[in-house]
Amino acid sequence: MSANFEGNIRRLREMRALSQRDLAALAGISVTTVNRVETGLRHPIPSTVRKLAQALGVSPDKLLSDQLRLME
């Protein structure tokens, strides 16, 4: 995964005023997983990427995109 992926998750989460705990609950994953994915300590499996994308209201492609930086 790229640094953009981790940054995109954090950026989108913060734009939506969600804590890591909130995002984990919406995505149906653990807070530890959210934290490790955001910090790059864990590379998520495709199903986790889909869950995070759905919880953040974007496509998985958007999470992986360099273009999200342009939205700031």
Foldseek 3Di string as FASTA:
>chain_A
DDLLLLVLLVVLCVVVVHDLCRLCVQLVHDSVVNVCSNVVVDDDDVSSLCSSCVSSVHHSVCSVDPCVVVVD
